[in-house]
């Protein structure tokens, strides 16, 4: 899969609020699918599984099977890659522009 395809899969996975909520829940610790279902009572188990499959396909979670349990672990590397490509350079540009503006405002005429 190309980097562009990987980015598309990551953005698609992050585009749904329920999937972002799942990632927030996994940020603190890995959880079983059952645990996630309990924490997301507004979603049925089938829907939770569908969201987990999208997150797994995008590489945002790693699934570990222990007997009958499915443990879901956050993998933040795809989000970091997007930050490196998109957010970091734009934030640096914005900071640079703010710094220039500050100098202009603070320079006596």
C-alpha atoms as a PDB file:
ATOM      1  CA  UNK A   1       0.000   0.000   0.000  1.00  0.00           C
ATOM      2  CA  UNK A   2       1.381   3.421  -0.936  1.00  0.00           C
ATOM      3  CA  UNK A   3       1.840   6.214   1.571  1.00  0.00           C
ATOM      4  CA  UNK A   4      -1.044   8.087  -0.025  1.00  0.00           C
ATOM      5  CA  UNK A   5      -3.317   5.039   0.349  1.00  0.00           C
ATOM      6  CA  UNK A   6      -2.231   4.700   3.983  1.00  0.00           C
ATOM      7  CA  UNK A   7      -2.997   8.378   4.601  1.00  0.00           C
ATOM      8  CA  UNK A   8      -6.404   7.988   2.945  1.00  0.00           C
ATOM      9  CA  UNK A   9      -7.203   5.000   5.183  1.00  0.00           C
ATOM     10  CA  UNK A  10      -6.099   6.932   8.279  1.00  0.00           C
ATOM     11  CA  UNK A  11      -8.151  10.008   7.401  1.00  0.00           C
ATOM     12  CA  UNK A  12     -11.167   7.819   6.612  1.00  0.00           C
ATOM     13  CA  UNK A  13     -10.845   6.034   9.949  1.00  0.00           C
ATOM     14  CA  UNK A  14     -10.496   9.325  11.827  1.00  0.00           C
ATOM     15  CA  UNK A  15     -13.453  10.889  10.027  1.00  0.00           C
ATOM     16  CA  UNK A  16     -16.065   9.154  12.175  1.00  0.00           C
ATOM     17  CA  UNK A  17     -16.653  10.412  15.719  1.00  0.00           C
ATOM     18  CA  UNK A  18     -17.305   6.920  17.107  1.00  0.00           C
ATOM     19  CA  UNK A  19     -13.929   5.717  15.848  1.00  0.00           C
ATOM     20  CA  UNK A  20     -12.227   8.759  17.358  1.00  0.00           C
ATOM     21  CA  UNK A  21     -14.016   7.953  20.622  1.00  0.00           C
ATOM     22  CA  UNK A  22     -12.724   4.369  20.472  1.00  0.00           C
ATOM     23  CA  UNK A  23      -9.176   5.663  19.970  1.00  0.00           C
ATOM     24  CA  UNK A  24      -9.620   7.988  22.947  1.00  0.00           C
ATOM     25  CA  UNK A  25     -10.689   5.005  25.048  1.00  0.00           C
ATOM     26  CA  UNK A  26      -7.640   3.024  23.924  1.00  0.00           C
ATOM     27  CA  UNK A  27      -5.235   5.889  24.615  1.00  0.00           C
ATOM     28  CA  UNK A  28      -4.969   5.082  28.311  1.00  0.00           C
ATOM     29  CA  UNK A  29      -4.842   1.281  28.029  1.00  0.00           C
ATOM     30  CA  UNK A  30      -5.640  -1.658  25.748  1.00  0.00           C
ATOM     31  CA  UNK A  31      -9.212  -2.919  26.077  1.00  0.00           C
ATOM     32  CA  UNK A  32     -11.113  -5.973  24.989  1.00  0.00           C
ATOM     33  CA  UNK A  33     -13.918  -5.636  22.500  1.00  0.00           C
ATOM     34  CA  UNK A  34     -16.365  -6.450  25.315  1.00  0.00           C
ATOM     35  CA  UNK A  35     -14.967  -3.612  27.428  1.00  0.00           C
ATOM     36  CA  UNK A  36     -15.367  -1.200  24.530  1.00  0.00           C
ATOM     37  CA  UNK A  37     -18.957  -2.351  23.995  1.00  0.00           C
ATOM     38  CA  UNK A  38     -19.717  -1.616  27.649  1.00  0.00           C
ATOM     39  CA  UNK A  39     -18.173   1.851  27.337  1.00  0.00           C
ATOM     40  CA  UNK A  40     -20.150   2.563  24.151  1.00  0.00           C
ATOM     41  CA  UNK A  41     -23.725   1.617  25.126  1.00  0.00           C
ATOM     42  CA  UNK A  42     -25.152   3.675  22.252  1.00  0.00           C
ATOM     43  CA  UNK A  43     -23.594   1.222  19.767  1.00  0.00           C
ATOM     44  CA  UNK A  44     -24.406  -2.453  19.365  1.00  0.00           C
ATOM     45  CA  UNK A  45     -21.593  -5.012  19.326  1.00  0.00           C
ATOM     46  CA  UNK A  46     -21.753  -5.456  15.546  1.00  0.00           C
ATOM     47  CA  UNK A  47     -21.280  -1.716  14.993  1.00  0.00           C
ATOM     48  CA  UNK A  48     -18.361  -1.591  17.437  1.00  0.00           C
ATOM     49  CA  UNK A  49     -16.758  -4.486  15.550  1.00  0.00           C
ATOM     50  CA  UNK A  50     -17.228  -2.702  12.224  1.00  0.00           C
ATOM     51  CA  UNK A  51     -15.519   0.410  13.609  1.00  0.00           C
ATOM     52  CA  UNK A  52     -12.691  -1.705  15.034  1.00  0.00           C
ATOM     53  CA  UNK A  53     -12.200  -3.358  11.635  1.00  0.00           C
ATOM     54  CA  UNK A  54     -11.847   0.054   9.952  1.00  0.00           C
ATOM     55  CA  UNK A  55      -9.364   1.164  12.630  1.00  0.00           C
ATOM     56  CA  UNK A  56      -7.388  -2.067  12.238  1.00  0.00           C
ATOM     57  CA  UNK A  57      -7.313  -1.768   8.432  1.00  0.00           C
ATOM     58  CA  UNK A  58      -5.959   1.764   8.810  1.00  0.00           C
ATOM     59  CA  UNK A  59      -3.262   0.524  11.178  1.00  0.00           C
ATOM     60  CA  UNK A  60      -4.578   2.615  14.071  1.00  0.00           C
ATOM     61  CA  UNK A  61      -5.109  -0.383  16.324  1.00  0.00           C
ATOM     62  CA  UNK A  62      -3.298  -3.664  16.740  1.00  0.00           C
ATOM     63  CA  UNK A  63      -5.404  -6.642  17.712  1.00  0.00           C
ATOM     64  CA  UNK A  64      -4.082  -9.322  20.035  1.00  0.00           C
ATOM     65  CA  UNK A  65      -6.125 -12.451  20.490  1.00  0.00           C
ATOM     66  CA  UNK A  66      -5.910 -14.166  23.870  1.00  0.00           C
ATOM     67  CA  UNK A  67      -8.129 -17.209  23.837  1.00  0.00           C
ATOM     68  CA  UNK A  68     -11.656 -15.955  23.212  1.00  0.00           C
ATOM     69  CA  UNK A  69     -10.746 -12.355  23.977  1.00  0.00           C
ATOM     70  CA  UNK A  70      -9.733  -9.766  21.429  1.00  0.00           C
ATOM     71  CA  UNK A  71      -7.491  -7.099  22.951  1.00  0.00           C
ATOM     72  CA  UNK A  72      -7.318  -3.824  21.050  1.00  0.00           C
ATOM     73  CA  UNK A  73      -4.168  -1.709  21.365  1.00  0.00           C
ATOM     74  CA  UNK A  74      -3.724   1.833  20.061  1.00  0.00           C
ATOM     75  CA  UNK A  75      -1.016   2.300  17.433  1.00  0.00           C
ATOM     76  CA  UNK A  76      -0.433   6.044  17.166  1.00  0.00           C
ATOM     77  CA  UNK A  77       2.237   5.833  14.448  1.00  0.00           C
ATOM     78  CA  UNK A  78      -0.169   6.591  11.552  1.00  0.00           C
ATOM     79  CA  UNK A  79      -1.401   9.682  13.423  1.00  0.00           C
ATOM     80  CA  UNK A  80       2.198  10.728  14.053  1.00  0.00           C
ATOM     81  CA  UNK A  81       2.975  10.325  10.349  1.00  0.00           C
ATOM     82  CA  UNK A  82       0.071  12.628   9.472  1.00  0.00           C
ATOM     83  CA  UNK A  83       1.296  15.121  12.061  1.00  0.00           C
ATOM     84  CA  UNK A  84       4.782  15.054  10.556  1.00  0.00           C
ATOM     85  CA  UNK A  85       3.490  15.579   7.027  1.00  0.00           C
ATOM     86  CA  UNK A  86       0.610  17.984   7.568  1.00  0.00           C
ATOM     87  CA  UNK A  87       0.325  19.534  11.003  1.00  0.00           C
ATOM     88  CA  UNK A  88       3.994  20.116  11.857  1.00  0.00           C
ATOM     89  CA  UNK A  89       4.897  22.107   8.721  1.00  0.00           C
ATOM     90  CA  UNK A  90       1.695  24.156   8.860  1.00  0.00           C
ATOM     91  CA  UNK A  91       2.187  24.874  12.562  1.00  0.00           C
ATOM     92  CA  UNK A  92       5.768  25.984  11.880  1.00  0.00           C
ATOM     93  CA  UNK A  93       4.525  28.305   9.122  1.00  0.00           C
ATOM     94  CA  UNK A  94       1.821  29.751  11.381  1.00  0.00           C
ATOM     95  CA  UNK A  95       4.360  30.316  14.185  1.00  0.00           C
ATOM     96  CA  UNK A  96       6.688  32.039  11.762  1.00  0.00           C
ATOM     97  CA  UNK A  97       3.928  34.364  10.594  1.00  0.00           C
ATOM     98  CA  UNK A  98       2.915  35.169  14.185  1.00  0.00           C
ATOM     99  CA  UNK A  99       6.534  35.922  15.041  1.00  0.00           C
ATOM    100  CA  UNK A 100       6.789  38.322  12.104  1.00  0.00           C
ATOM    101  CA  UNK A 101       3.534  39.985  13.148  1.00  0.00           C
ATOM    102  CA  UNK A 102       4.803  40.361  16.718  1.00  0.00           C
ATOM    103  CA  UNK A 103       8.000  42.020  15.502  1.00  0.00           C
ATOM    104  CA  UNK A 104       5.985  44.408  13.319  1.00  0.00           C
ATOM    105  CA  UNK A 105       3.658  45.342  16.161  1.00  0.00           C
ATOM    106  CA  UNK A 106       6.434  45.798  18.709  1.00  0.00           C
ATOM    107  CA  UNK A 107       8.782  47.780  16.442  1.00  0.00           C
ATOM    108  CA  UNK A 108       8.510  51.492  17.129  1.00  0.00           C
ATOM    109  CA  UNK A 109       7.740  53.640  14.093  1.00  0.00           C
END
